């Protein structure tokens, strides 16, 4: 059995991973009204490359839910597009750094304390 790596835990050249807080509906990729589409349709900044859902839920020890997405190509453009889209929707973003998830609101949690689920 293959054990999947937590998206963003291992650095992959040319690809970046962001985590997006859930809006309470746990509907990230299921339809056109999912968070993935809402976040990625707010702005058109990235000039090339692509963005995908990593099909991974990360639940903080305090119960907050985040979803992973990754992008490649115009890394700076995608990063800005996601950050601005999340901000417009009042969502928090996060990134894995040294075994922790560091959130845009300044909080930080150890990955060991988080629940990870792949779907």
PDB file of N, CA and C in Angstrom:
ATOM      1  N   UNK A   1       0.841  -1.188   0.000  1.00  0.00           N
ATOM      2  CA  UNK A   1       0.000   0.000   0.000  1.00  0.00           C
ATOM      3  C   UNK A   1       0.883   1.247   0.000  1.00  0.00           C
ATOM      4  N   UNK A   2       0.617   2.162  -0.923  1.00  0.00           N
ATOM      5  CA  UNK A   2       1.360   3.411  -1.003  1.00  0.00           C
ATOM      6  C   UNK A   2       0.813   4.415  -0.010  1.00  0.00           C
ATOM      7  N   UNK A   3       1.697   5.025   0.738  1.00  0.00           N
ATOM      8  CA  UNK A   3       1.283   6.070   1.666  1.00  0.00           C
ATOM      9  C   UNK A   3       1.489   7.411   0.973  1.00  0.00           C
ATOM     10  N   UNK A   4       0.418   8.166   0.828  1.00  0.00           N
ATOM     11  CA  UNK A   4       0.529   9.472   0.180  1.00  0.00           C
ATOM     12  C   UNK A   4       1.226  10.462   1.092  1.00  0.00           C
ATOM     13  N   UNK A   5       2.012  11.308   0.498  1.00  0.00           N
ATOM     14  CA  UNK A   5       2.668  12.372   1.234  1.00  0.00           C
ATOM     15  C   UNK A   5       1.688  13.520   1.445  1.00  0.00           C
ATOM     16  N   UNK A   6       1.835  14.206   2.540  1.00  0.00           N
ATOM     17  CA  UNK A   6       1.011  15.378   2.807  1.00  0.00           C
ATOM     18  C   UNK A   6       1.423  16.458   1.808  1.00  0.00           C
ATOM     19  N   UNK A   7       0.484  16.963   1.019  1.00  0.00           N
ATOM     20  CA  UNK A   7       0.829  17.988   0.034  1.00  0.00           C
ATOM     21  C   UNK A   7       1.524  19.181   0.685  1.00  0.00           C
ATOM     22  N   UNK A   8       2.662  19.555   0.110  1.00  0.00           N
ATOM     23  CA  UNK A   8       3.415  20.693   0.613  1.00  0.00           C
ATOM     24  C   UNK A   8       4.487  20.339   1.616  1.00  0.00           C
ATOM     25  N   UNK A   9       4.465  19.107   2.127  1.00  0.00           N
ATOM     26  CA  UNK A   9       5.468  18.705   3.117  1.00  0.00           C
ATOM     27  C   UNK A   9       6.837  18.520   2.457  1.00  0.00           C
ATOM     28  N   UNK A  10       6.836  18.009   1.240  1.00  0.00           N
ATOM     29  CA  UNK A  10       8.064  17.835   0.473  1.00  0.00           C
ATOM     30  C   UNK A  10       8.088  18.892  -0.628  1.00  0.00           C
ATOM     31  N   UNK A  11       9.187  19.604  -0.724  1.00  0.00           N
ATOM     32  CA  UNK A  11       9.310  20.639  -1.744  1.00  0.00           C
ATOM     33  C   UNK A  11       9.518  19.973  -3.101  1.00  0.00           C
ATOM     34  N   UNK A  12       8.699  20.366  -4.062  1.00  0.00           N
ATOM     35  CA  UNK A  12       8.821  19.880  -5.436  1.00  0.00           C
ATOM     36  C   UNK A  12       9.102  21.099  -6.302  1.00  0.00           C
ATOM     37  N   UNK A  13      10.261  21.101  -6.947  1.00  0.00           N
ATOM     38  CA  UNK A  13      10.657  22.248  -7.751  1.00  0.00           C
ATOM     39  C   UNK A  13       9.618  22.530  -8.829  1.00  0.00           C
ATOM     40  N   UNK A  14       9.223  23.783  -8.940  1.00  0.00           N
ATOM     41  CA  UNK A  14       8.274  24.195  -9.951  1.00  0.00           C
ATOM     42  C   UNK A  14       6.816  24.043  -9.552  1.00  0.00           C
ATOM     43  N   UNK A  15       6.567  23.629  -8.318  1.00  0.00           N
ATOM     44  CA  UNK A  15       5.189  23.445  -7.844  1.00  0.00           C
ATOM     45  C   UNK A  15       5.102  24.023  -6.429  1.00  0.00           C
ATOM     46  N   UNK A  16       3.944  24.611  -6.102  1.00  0.00           N
ATOM     47  CA  UNK A  16       3.712  25.144  -4.762  1.00  0.00           C
ATOM     48  C   UNK A  16       2.341  24.691  -4.285  1.00  0.00           C
ATOM     49  N   UNK A  17       2.209  24.518  -2.974  1.00  0.00           N
ATOM     50  CA  UNK A  17       0.951  24.056  -2.371  1.00  0.00           C
ATOM     51  C   UNK A  17       0.454  25.103  -1.388  1.00  0.00           C
ATOM     52  N   UNK A  18      -0.832  25.379  -1.451  1.00  0.00           N
ATOM     53  CA  UNK A  18      -1.501  26.251  -0.476  1.00  0.00           C
ATOM     54  C   UNK A  18      -2.670  25.485   0.116  1.00  0.00           C
ATOM     55  N   UNK A  19      -2.978  25.805   1.349  1.00  0.00           N
ATOM     56  CA  UNK A  19      -4.166  25.283   2.016  1.00  0.00           C
ATOM     57  C   UNK A  19      -5.150  26.426   2.170  1.00  0.00           C
ATOM     58  N   UNK A  20      -6.422  26.124   1.940  1.00  0.00           N
ATOM     59  CA  UNK A  20      -7.484  27.126   1.996  1.00  0.00           C
ATOM     60  C   UNK A  20      -8.485  26.701   3.062  1.00  0.00           C
ATOM     61  N   UNK A  21      -8.846  27.634   3.945  1.00  0.00           N
ATOM     62  CA  UNK A  21      -9.839  27.297   4.973  1.00  0.00           C
ATOM     63  C   UNK A  21     -11.181  27.013   4.321  1.00  0.00           C
ATOM     64  N   UNK A  22     -11.923  26.124   4.940  1.00  0.00           N
ATOM     65  CA  UNK A  22     -13.241  25.760   4.440  1.00  0.00           C
ATOM     66  C   UNK A  22     -14.241  26.793   4.927  1.00  0.00           C
ATOM     67  N   UNK A  23     -15.262  27.063   4.124  1.00  0.00           N
ATOM     68  CA  UNK A  23     -16.276  28.047   4.507  1.00  0.00           C
ATOM     69  C   UNK A  23     -17.398  27.443   5.340  1.00  0.00           C
ATOM     70  N   UNK A  24     -17.224  26.195   5.774  1.00  0.00           N
ATOM     71  CA  UNK A  24     -18.222  25.543   6.607  1.00  0.00           C
ATOM     72  C   UNK A  24     -19.087  24.553   5.867  1.00  0.00           C
ATOM     73  N   UNK A  25     -18.944  24.498   4.542  1.00  0.00           N
ATOM     74  CA  UNK A  25     -19.773  23.605   3.742  1.00  0.00           C
ATOM     75  C   UNK A  25     -19.063  22.318   3.339  1.00  0.00           C
ATOM     76  N   UNK A  26     -17.759  22.213   3.570  1.00  0.00           N
ATOM     77  CA  UNK A  26     -16.953  21.064   3.147  1.00  0.00           C
ATOM     78  C   UNK A  26     -17.275  20.701   1.695  1.00  0.00           C
ATOM     79  N   UNK A  27     -17.321  21.719   0.850  1.00  0.00           N
ATOM     80  CA  UNK A  27     -17.628  21.552  -0.564  1.00  0.00           C
ATOM     81  C   UNK A  27     -16.519  22.239  -1.358  1.00  0.00           C
ATOM     82  N   UNK A  28     -15.394  21.564  -1.476  1.00  0.00           N
ATOM     83  CA  UNK A  28     -14.251  22.192  -2.130  1.00  0.00           C
ATOM     84  C   UNK A  28     -14.277  22.005  -3.642  1.00  0.00           C
ATOM     85  N   UNK A  29     -14.491  20.779  -4.107  1.00  0.00           N
ATOM     86  CA  UNK A  29     -14.393  20.525  -5.542  1.00  0.00           C
ATOM     87  C   UNK A  29     -15.628  19.882  -6.146  1.00  0.00           C
ATOM     88  N   UNK A  30     -16.695  19.723  -5.394  1.00  0.00           N
ATOM     89  CA  UNK A  30     -17.820  18.922  -5.857  1.00  0.00           C
ATOM     90  C   UNK A  30     -18.630  19.521  -6.998  1.00  0.00           C
ATOM     91  N   UNK A  31     -18.660  20.816  -7.147  1.00  0.00           N
ATOM     92  CA  UNK A  31     -19.463  21.410  -8.217  1.00  0.00           C
ATOM     93  C   UNK A  31     -18.977  22.825  -8.511  1.00  0.00           C
ATOM     94  N   UNK A  32     -19.670  23.487  -9.410  1.00  0.00           N
ATOM     95  CA  UNK A  32     -19.285  24.849  -9.799  1.00  0.00           C
ATOM     96  C   UNK A  32     -19.360  25.837  -8.645  1.00  0.00           C
ATOM     97  N   UNK A  33     -20.112  25.516  -7.606  1.00  0.00           N
ATOM     98  CA  UNK A  33     -20.203  26.401  -6.444  1.00  0.00           C
ATOM     99  C   UNK A  33     -19.213  26.008  -5.359  1.00  0.00           C
ATOM    100  N   UNK A  34     -18.318  25.072  -5.651  1.00  0.00           N
ATOM    101  CA  UNK A  34     -17.316  24.653  -4.675  1.00  0.00           C
ATOM    102  C   UNK A  34     -16.270  25.736  -4.465  1.00  0.00           C
ATOM    103  N   UNK A  35     -15.601  25.678  -3.337  1.00  0.00           N
ATOM    104  CA  UNK A  35     -14.589  26.680  -3.004  1.00  0.00           C
ATOM    105  C   UNK A  35     -13.469  26.762  -4.030  1.00  0.00           C
ATOM    106  N   UNK A  36     -13.062  25.614  -4.567  1.00  0.00           N
ATOM    107  CA  UNK A  36     -11.984  25.621  -5.560  1.00  0.00           C
ATOM    108  C   UNK A  36     -12.344  26.560  -6.710  1.00  0.00           C
ATOM    109  N   UNK A  37     -13.533  26.390  -7.274  1.00  0.00           N
ATOM    110  CA  UNK A  37     -13.957  27.243  -8.383  1.00  0.00           C
ATOM    111  C   UNK A  37     -14.138  28.691  -7.944  1.00  0.00           C
ATOM    112  N   UNK A  38     -14.702  28.906  -6.761  1.00  0.00           N
ATOM    113  CA  UNK A  38     -14.905  30.271  -6.281  1.00  0.00           C
ATOM    114  C   UNK A  38     -13.581  31.009  -6.104  1.00  0.00           C
ATOM    115  N   UNK A  39     -12.593  30.343  -5.533  1.00  0.00           N
ATOM    116  CA  UNK A  39     -11.298  30.976  -5.292  1.00  0.00           C
ATOM    117  C   UNK A  39     -10.571  31.249  -6.602  1.00  0.00           C
ATOM    118  N   UNK A  40     -10.572  30.270  -7.503  1.00  0.00           N
ATOM    119  CA  UNK A  40      -9.796  30.406  -8.729  1.00  0.00           C
ATOM    120  C   UNK A  40     -10.486  31.238  -9.811  1.00  0.00           C
ATOM    121  N   UNK A  41     -11.740  31.609  -9.611  1.00  0.00           N
ATOM    122  CA  UNK A  41     -12.442  32.408 -10.627  1.00  0.00           C
ATOM    123  C   UNK A  41     -12.535  33.892 -10.269  1.00  0.00           C
ATOM    124  N   UNK A  42     -12.026  34.292  -9.123  1.00  0.00           N
ATOM    125  CA  UNK A  42     -12.118  35.681  -8.687  1.00  0.00           C
ATOM    126  C   UNK A  42     -11.223  36.621  -9.498  1.00  0.00           C
ATOM    127  N   UNK A  43     -10.034  36.139  -9.865  1.00  0.00           N
ATOM    128  CA  UNK A  43      -9.044  36.967 -10.559  1.00  0.00           C
ATOM    129  C   UNK A  43      -8.393  36.127 -11.659  1.00  0.00           C
ATOM    130  N   UNK A  44      -7.849  36.772 -12.666  1.00  0.00           N
ATOM    131  CA  UNK A  44      -7.108  36.086 -13.723  1.00  0.00           C
ATOM    132  C   UNK A  44      -5.732  36.742 -13.819  1.00  0.00           C
ATOM    133  N   UNK A  45      -4.835  36.319 -12.945  1.00  0.00           N
ATOM    134  CA  UNK A  45      -3.514  36.917 -12.859  1.00  0.00           C
ATOM    135  C   UNK A  45      -2.456  36.021 -13.493  1.00  0.00           C
ATOM    136  N   UNK A  46      -2.502  34.715 -13.201  1.00  0.00           N
ATOM    137  CA  UNK A  46      -1.500  33.778 -13.706  1.00  0.00           C
ATOM    138  C   UNK A  46      -1.523  33.750 -15.228  1.00  0.00           C
ATOM    139  N   UNK A  47      -0.350  33.780 -15.837  1.00  0.00           N
ATOM    140  CA  UNK A  47      -0.228  33.828 -17.297  1.00  0.00           C
ATOM    141  C   UNK A  47      -0.116  32.437 -17.926  1.00  0.00           C
ATOM    142  N   UNK A  48       0.356  31.451 -17.163  1.00  0.00           N
ATOM    143  CA  UNK A  48       0.497  30.100 -17.703  1.00  0.00           C
ATOM    144  C   UNK A  48       0.583  29.109 -16.553  1.00  0.00           C
ATOM    145  N   UNK A  49       0.513  27.844 -16.902  1.00  0.00           N
ATOM    146  CA  UNK A  49       0.564  26.792 -15.883  1.00  0.00           C
ATOM    147  C   UNK A  49      -0.841  26.349 -15.522  1.00  0.00           C
ATOM    148  N   UNK A  50      -0.971  25.761 -14.354  1.00  0.00           N
ATOM    149  CA  UNK A  50      -2.267  25.261 -13.941  1.00  0.00           C
ATOM    150  C   UNK A  50      -2.363  25.069 -12.446  1.00  0.00           C
ATOM    151  N   UNK A  51      -3.574  24.805 -12.015  1.00  0.00           N
ATOM    152  CA  UNK A  51      -3.872  24.636 -10.601  1.00  0.00           C
ATOM    153  C   UNK A  51      -4.793  23.432 -10.449  1.00  0.00           C
ATOM    154  N   UNK A  52      -4.553  22.619  -9.415  1.00  0.00           N
ATOM    155  CA  UNK A  52      -5.378  21.437  -9.168  1.00  0.00           C
ATOM    156  C   UNK A  52      -5.673  21.301  -7.674  1.00  0.00           C
ATOM    157  N   UNK A  53      -6.750  20.597  -7.371  1.00  0.00           N
ATOM    158  CA  UNK A  53      -7.023  20.200  -5.997  1.00  0.00           C
ATOM    159  C   UNK A  53      -6.145  18.991  -5.705  1.00  0.00           C
ATOM    160  N   UNK A  54      -5.580  18.951  -4.523  1.00  0.00           N
ATOM    161  CA  UNK A  54      -4.777  17.807  -4.109  1.00  0.00           C
ATOM    162  C   UNK A  54      -5.628  16.733  -3.432  1.00  0.00           C
ATOM    163  N   UNK A  55      -6.947  16.956  -3.372  1.00  0.00           N
ATOM    164  CA  UNK A  55      -7.876  15.998  -2.748  1.00  0.00           C
ATOM    165  C   UNK A  55      -7.410  15.599  -1.352  1.00  0.00           C
ATOM    166  N   UNK A  56      -7.101  16.613  -0.568  1.00  0.00           N
ATOM    167  CA  UNK A  56      -6.601  16.407   0.788  1.00  0.00           C
ATOM    168  C   UNK A  56      -7.266  17.402   1.726  1.00  0.00           C
ATOM    169  N   UNK A  57      -7.835  16.873   2.815  1.00  0.00           N
ATOM    170  CA  UNK A  57      -8.387  17.707   3.892  1.00  0.00           C
ATOM    171  C   UNK A  57      -7.410  17.679   5.057  1.00  0.00           C
ATOM    172  N   UNK A  58      -7.186  18.834   5.641  1.00  0.00           N
ATOM    173  CA  UNK A  58      -6.349  18.952   6.828  1.00  0.00           C
ATOM    174  C   UNK A  58      -7.209  19.617   7.902  1.00  0.00           C
ATOM    175  N   UNK A  59      -7.410  18.916   9.011  1.00  0.00           N
ATOM    176  CA  UNK A  59      -8.198  19.470  10.106  1.00  0.00           C
ATOM    177  C   UNK A  59      -7.260  19.830  11.245  1.00  0.00           C
ATOM    178  N   UNK A  60      -7.305  21.075  11.654  1.00  0.00           N
ATOM    179  CA  UNK A  60      -6.472  21.549  12.761  1.00  0.00           C
ATOM    180  C   UNK A  60      -6.943  20.918  14.064  1.00  0.00           C
ATOM    181  N   UNK A  61      -6.089  20.883  15.091  1.00  0.00           N
ATOM    182  CA  UNK A  61      -6.496  20.326  16.384  1.00  0.00           C
ATOM    183  C   UNK A  61      -7.682  21.067  17.013  1.00  0.00           C
ATOM    184  N   UNK A  62      -7.946  22.289  16.574  1.00  0.00           N
ATOM    185  CA  UNK A  62      -9.082  23.057  17.099  1.00  0.00           C
ATOM    186  C   UNK A  62     -10.333  22.889  16.229  1.00  0.00           C
ATOM    187  N   UNK A  63     -10.260  21.988  15.231  1.00  0.00           N
ATOM    188  CA  UNK A  63     -11.416  21.633  14.432  1.00  0.00           C
ATOM    189  C   UNK A  63     -11.590  22.371  13.113  1.00  0.00           C
ATOM    190  N   UNK A  64     -10.792  23.366  12.819  1.00  0.00           N
ATOM    191  CA  UNK A  64     -10.923  24.096  11.555  1.00  0.00           C
ATOM    192  C   UNK A  64     -10.414  23.233  10.405  1.00  0.00           C
ATOM    193  N   UNK A  65     -11.136  23.289   9.281  1.00  0.00           N
ATOM    194  CA  UNK A  65     -10.855  22.457   8.125  1.00  0.00           C
ATOM    195  C   UNK A  65     -10.207  23.266   7.008  1.00  0.00           C
ATOM    196  N   UNK A  66      -9.185  22.669   6.385  1.00  0.00           N
ATOM    197  CA  UNK A  66      -8.491  23.280   5.250  1.00  0.00           C
ATOM    198  C   UNK A  66      -8.398  22.260   4.120  1.00  0.00           C
ATOM    199  N   UNK A  67      -8.334  22.760   2.876  1.00  0.00           N
ATOM    200  CA  UNK A  67      -8.182  21.916   1.701  1.00  0.00           C
ATOM    201  C   UNK A  67      -6.899  22.314   0.983  1.00  0.00           C
ATOM    202  N   UNK A  68      -6.213  21.331   0.397  1.00  0.00           N
ATOM    203  CA  UNK A  68      -4.959  21.580  -0.309  1.00  0.00           C
ATOM    204  C   UNK A  68      -5.189  21.757  -1.795  1.00  0.00           C
ATOM    205  N   UNK A  69      -4.487  22.713  -2.372  1.00  0.00           N
ATOM    206  CA  UNK A  69      -4.420  22.848  -3.814  1.00  0.00           C
ATOM    207  C   UNK A  69      -2.981  23.127  -4.195  1.00  0.00           C
ATOM    208  N   UNK A  70      -2.617  22.788  -5.415  1.00  0.00           N
ATOM    209  CA  UNK A  70      -1.251  23.049  -5.866  1.00  0.00           C
ATOM    210  C   UNK A  70      -1.283  23.661  -7.258  1.00  0.00           C
ATOM    211  N   UNK A  71      -0.201  24.358  -7.569  1.00  0.00           N
ATOM    212  CA  UNK A  71      -0.126  25.052  -8.844  1.00  0.00           C
ATOM    213  C   UNK A  71       1.304  25.050  -9.342  1.00  0.00           C
ATOM    214  N   UNK A  72       1.430  25.201 -10.660  1.00  0.00           N
ATOM    215  CA  UNK A  72       2.745  25.246 -11.288  1.00  0.00           C
ATOM    216  C   UNK A  72       2.688  26.210 -12.458  1.00  0.00           C
ATOM    217  N   UNK A  73       3.823  26.514 -12.997  1.00  0.00           N
ATOM    218  CA  UNK A  73       3.902  27.474 -14.103  1.00  0.00           C
ATOM    219  C   UNK A  73       4.223  28.844 -13.554  1.00  0.00           C
ATOM    220  N   UNK A  74       3.292  29.752 -13.677  1.00  0.00           N
ATOM    221  CA  UNK A  74       3.454  31.112 -13.176  1.00  0.00           C
ATOM    222  C   UNK A  74       3.177  31.107 -11.660  1.00  0.00           C
ATOM    223  N   UNK A  75       4.159  30.627 -10.897  1.00  0.00           N
ATOM    224  CA  UNK A  75       3.996  30.460  -9.446  1.00  0.00           C
ATOM    225  C   UNK A  75       3.570  31.765  -8.779  1.00  0.00           C
ATOM    226  N   UNK A  76       4.251  32.851  -9.099  1.00  0.00           N
ATOM    227  CA  UNK A  76       3.915  34.147  -8.478  1.00  0.00           C
ATOM    228  C   UNK A  76       2.483  34.565  -8.815  1.00  0.00           C
ATOM    229  N   UNK A  77       2.094  34.385 -10.067  1.00  0.00           N
ATOM    230  CA  UNK A  77       0.742  34.752 -10.489  1.00  0.00           C
ATOM    231  C   UNK A  77      -0.320  33.921  -9.793  1.00  0.00           C
ATOM    232  N   UNK A  78      -0.102  32.591  -9.744  1.00  0.00           N
ATOM    233  CA  UNK A  78      -1.065  31.719  -9.064  1.00  0.00           C
ATOM    234  C   UNK A  78      -1.139  32.041  -7.578  1.00  0.00           C
ATOM    235  N   UNK A  79       0.018  32.266  -6.948  1.00  0.00           N
ATOM    236  CA  UNK A  79       0.038  32.585  -5.513  1.00  0.00           C
ATOM    237  C   UNK A  79      -0.787  33.842  -5.236  1.00  0.00           C
ATOM    238  N   UNK A  80      -0.580  34.862  -6.051  1.00  0.00           N
ATOM    239  CA  UNK A  80      -1.314  36.116  -5.869  1.00  0.00           C
ATOM    240  C   UNK A  80      -2.807  35.906  -6.121  1.00  0.00           C
ATOM    241  N   UNK A  81      -3.137  35.161  -7.168  1.00  0.00           N
ATOM    242  CA  UNK A  81      -4.531  34.899  -7.518  1.00  0.00           C
ATOM    243  C   UNK A  81      -5.258  34.175  -6.376  1.00  0.00           C
ATOM    244  N   UNK A  82      -4.615  33.171  -5.803  1.00  0.00           N
ATOM    245  CA  UNK A  82      -5.222  32.403  -4.704  1.00  0.00           C
ATOM    246  C   UNK A  82      -5.336  33.251  -3.450  1.00  0.00           C
ATOM    247  N   UNK A  83      -4.278  33.976  -3.137  1.00  0.00           N
ATOM    248  CA  UNK A  83      -4.278  34.813  -1.938  1.00  0.00           C
ATOM    249  C   UNK A  83      -5.374  35.876  -2.022  1.00  0.00           C
ATOM    250  N   UNK A  84      -5.474  36.537  -3.156  1.00  0.00           N
ATOM    251  CA  UNK A  84      -6.507  37.569  -3.325  1.00  0.00           C
ATOM    252  C   UNK A  84      -7.911  36.962  -3.340  1.00  0.00           C
ATOM    253  N   UNK A  85      -8.074  35.809  -4.011  1.00  0.00           N
ATOM    254  CA  UNK A  85      -9.375  35.136  -4.039  1.00  0.00           C
ATOM    255  C   UNK A  85      -9.833  34.720  -2.656  1.00  0.00           C
ATOM    256  N   UNK A  86      -8.904  34.148  -1.874  1.00  0.00           N
ATOM    257  CA  UNK A  86      -9.233  33.730  -0.509  1.00  0.00           C
ATOM    258  C   UNK A  86      -9.578  34.943   0.353  1.00  0.00           C
ATOM    259  N   UNK A  87      -8.798  36.002   0.199  1.00  0.00           N
ATOM    260  CA  UNK A  87      -9.053  37.220   0.982  1.00  0.00           C
ATOM    261  C   UNK A  87     -10.426  37.795   0.655  1.00  0.00           C
ATOM    262  N   UNK A  88     -10.778  37.816  -0.627  1.00  0.00           N
ATOM    263  CA  UNK A  88     -12.080  38.343  -1.042  1.00  0.00           C
ATOM    264  C   UNK A  88     -13.220  37.524  -0.444  1.00  0.00           C
ATOM    265  N   UNK A  89     -12.994  36.228  -0.237  1.00  0.00           N
ATOM    266  CA  UNK A  89     -14.007  35.342   0.329  1.00  0.00           C
ATOM    267  C   UNK A  89     -13.877  35.201   1.854  1.00  0.00           C
ATOM    268  N   UNK A  90     -12.990  36.005   2.459  1.00  0.00           N
ATOM    269  CA  UNK A  90     -12.737  35.963   3.914  1.00  0.00           C
ATOM    270  C   UNK A  90     -12.273  34.594   4.380  1.00  0.00           C
ATOM    271  N   UNK A  91     -11.389  33.969   3.604  1.00  0.00           N
ATOM    272  CA  UNK A  91     -10.834  32.664   3.958  1.00  0.00           C
ATOM    273  C   UNK A  91      -9.360  32.806   4.311  1.00  0.00           C
ATOM    274  N   UNK A  92      -8.890  31.893   5.108  1.00  0.00           N
ATOM    275  CA  UNK A  92      -7.497  31.869   5.552  1.00  0.00           C
ATOM    276  C   UNK A  92      -6.720  30.932   4.640  1.00  0.00           C
ATOM    277  N   UNK A  93      -5.481  31.281   4.334  1.00  0.00           N
ATOM    278  CA  UNK A  93      -4.609  30.389   3.580  1.00  0.00           C
ATOM    279  C   UNK A  93      -3.524  29.858   4.509  1.00  0.00           C
ATOM    280  N   UNK A  94      -2.900  28.781   4.096  1.00  0.00           N
ATOM    281  CA  UNK A  94      -1.827  28.200   4.886  1.00  0.00           C
ATOM    282  C   UNK A  94      -0.795  27.548   3.993  1.00  0.00           C
ATOM    283  N   UNK A  95       0.379  27.327   4.570  1.00  0.00           N
ATOM    284  CA  UNK A  95       1.488  26.694   3.865  1.00  0.00           C
ATOM    285  C   UNK A  95       2.246  25.818   4.857  1.00  0.00           C
ATOM    286  N   UNK A  96       2.716  24.680   4.373  1.00  0.00           N
ATOM    287  CA  UNK A  96       3.500  23.776   5.214  1.00  0.00           C
ATOM    288  C   UNK A  96       4.952  24.251   5.230  1.00  0.00           C
ATOM    289  N   UNK A  97       5.477  24.480   6.420  1.00  0.00           N
ATOM    290  CA  UNK A  97       6.866  24.890   6.594  1.00  0.00           C
ATOM    291  C   UNK A  97       7.431  24.149   7.798  1.00  0.00           C
ATOM    292  N   UNK A  98       8.487  23.378   7.572  1.00  0.00           N
ATOM    293  CA  UNK A  98       9.195  22.671   8.644  1.00  0.00           C
ATOM    294  C   UNK A  98       8.270  21.876   9.571  1.00  0.00           C
ATOM    295  N   UNK A  99       7.375  21.095   9.004  1.00  0.00           N
ATOM    296  CA  UNK A  99       6.506  20.227   9.803  1.00  0.00           C
ATOM    297  C   UNK A  99       5.336  20.916  10.472  1.00  0.00           C
ATOM    298  N   UNK A 100       5.100  22.159  10.105  1.00  0.00           N
ATOM    299  CA  UNK A 100       3.972  22.924  10.652  1.00  0.00           C
ATOM    300  C   UNK A 100       3.136  23.481   9.520  1.00  0.00           C
ATOM    301  N   UNK A 101       1.868  23.751   9.808  1.00  0.00           N
ATOM    302  CA  UNK A 101       1.075  24.542   8.880  1.00  0.00           C
ATOM    303  C   UNK A 101       1.044  25.949   9.449  1.00  0.00           C
ATOM    304  N   UNK A 102       1.527  26.903   8.647  1.00  0.00           N
ATOM    305  CA  UNK A 102       1.564  28.301   9.050  1.00  0.00           C
ATOM    306  C   UNK A 102       0.448  29.022   8.304  1.00  0.00           C
ATOM    307  N   UNK A 103      -0.427  29.661   9.062  1.00  0.00           N
ATOM    308  CA  UNK A 103      -1.619  30.282   8.498  1.00  0.00           C
ATOM    309  C   UNK A 103      -1.431  31.773   8.269  1.00  0.00           C
ATOM    310  N   UNK A 104      -2.188  32.294   7.326  1.00  0.00           N
ATOM    311  CA  UNK A 104      -2.081  33.708   6.972  1.00  0.00           C
ATOM    312  C   UNK A 104      -2.491  34.643   8.109  1.00  0.00           C
ATOM    313  N   UNK A 105      -3.196  34.123   9.109  1.00  0.00           N
ATOM    314  CA  UNK A 105      -3.575  34.959  10.257  1.00  0.00           C
ATOM    315  C   UNK A 105      -2.545  34.887  11.391  1.00  0.00           C
ATOM    316  N   UNK A 106      -1.396  34.236  11.113  1.00  0.00           N
ATOM    317  CA  UNK A 106      -0.300  34.190  12.077  1.00  0.00           C
ATOM    318  C   UNK A 106      -0.259  32.956  12.960  1.00  0.00           C
ATOM    319  N   UNK A 107      -1.314  32.156  12.967  1.00  0.00           N
ATOM    320  CA  UNK A 107      -1.305  30.942  13.779  1.00  0.00           C
ATOM    321  C   UNK A 107      -0.454  29.866  13.119  1.00  0.00           C
ATOM    322  N   UNK A 108      -0.020  28.931  13.944  1.00  0.00           N
ATOM    323  CA  UNK A 108       0.829  27.841  13.472  1.00  0.00           C
ATOM    324  C   UNK A 108       0.494  26.579  14.257  1.00  0.00           C
ATOM    325  N   UNK A 109       0.421  25.441  13.554  1.00  0.00           N
ATOM    326  CA  UNK A 109       0.108  24.162  14.188  1.00  0.00           C
ATOM    327  C   UNK A 109       1.040  23.086  13.646  1.00  0.00           C
ATOM    328  N   UNK A 110       1.448  22.183  14.511  1.00  0.00           N
ATOM    329  CA  UNK A 110       2.254  21.048  14.091  1.00  0.00           C
ATOM    330  C   UNK A 110       1.407  20.104  13.244  1.00  0.00           C
ATOM    331  N   UNK A 111       1.984  19.578  12.159  1.00  0.00           N
ATOM    332  CA  UNK A 111       1.258  18.605  11.339  1.00  0.00           C
ATOM    333  C   UNK A 111       0.918  17.363  12.138  1.00  0.00           C
ATOM    334  N   UNK A 112       1.748  17.026  13.127  1.00  0.00           N
ATOM    335  CA  UNK A 112       1.491  15.832  13.952  1.00  0.00           C
ATOM    336  C   UNK A 112       0.182  15.957  14.727  1.00  0.00           C
ATOM    337  N   UNK A 113      -0.232  17.186  15.014  1.00  0.00           N
ATOM    338  CA  UNK A 113      -1.459  17.422  15.767  1.00  0.00           C
ATOM    339  C   UNK A 113      -2.688  17.532  14.863  1.00  0.00           C
ATOM    340  N   UNK A 114      -2.466  17.555  13.556  1.00  0.00           N
ATOM    341  CA  UNK A 114      -3.569  17.721  12.597  1.00  0.00           C
ATOM    342  C   UNK A 114      -4.037  16.362  12.076  1.00  0.00           C
ATOM    343  N   UNK A 115      -5.276  16.320  11.659  1.00  0.00           N
ATOM    344  CA  UNK A 115      -5.820  15.125  11.020  1.00  0.00           C
ATOM    345  C   UNK A 115      -5.759  15.336   9.510  1.00  0.00           C
ATOM    346  N   UNK A 116      -5.205  14.354   8.795  1.00  0.00           N
ATOM    347  CA  UNK A 116      -5.058  14.434   7.362  1.00  0.00           C
ATOM    348  C   UNK A 116      -5.947  13.363   6.733  1.00  0.00           C
ATOM    349  N   UNK A 117      -6.746  13.745   5.736  1.00  0.00           N
ATOM    350  CA  UNK A 117      -7.611  12.788   5.051  1.00  0.00           C
ATOM    351  C   UNK A 117      -7.515  13.027   3.549  1.00  0.00           C
ATOM    352  N   UNK A 118      -7.293  11.946   2.792  1.00  0.00           N
ATOM    353  CA  UNK A 118      -7.267  12.020   1.337  1.00  0.00           C
ATOM    354  C   UNK A 118      -8.597  11.527   0.796  1.00  0.00           C
ATOM    355  N   UNK A 119      -9.074  12.135  -0.264  1.00  0.00           N
ATOM    356  CA  UNK A 119     -10.355  11.739  -0.858  1.00  0.00           C
ATOM    357  C   UNK A 119     -10.245  11.643  -2.360  1.00  0.00           C
TER     358      UNK A 119
END
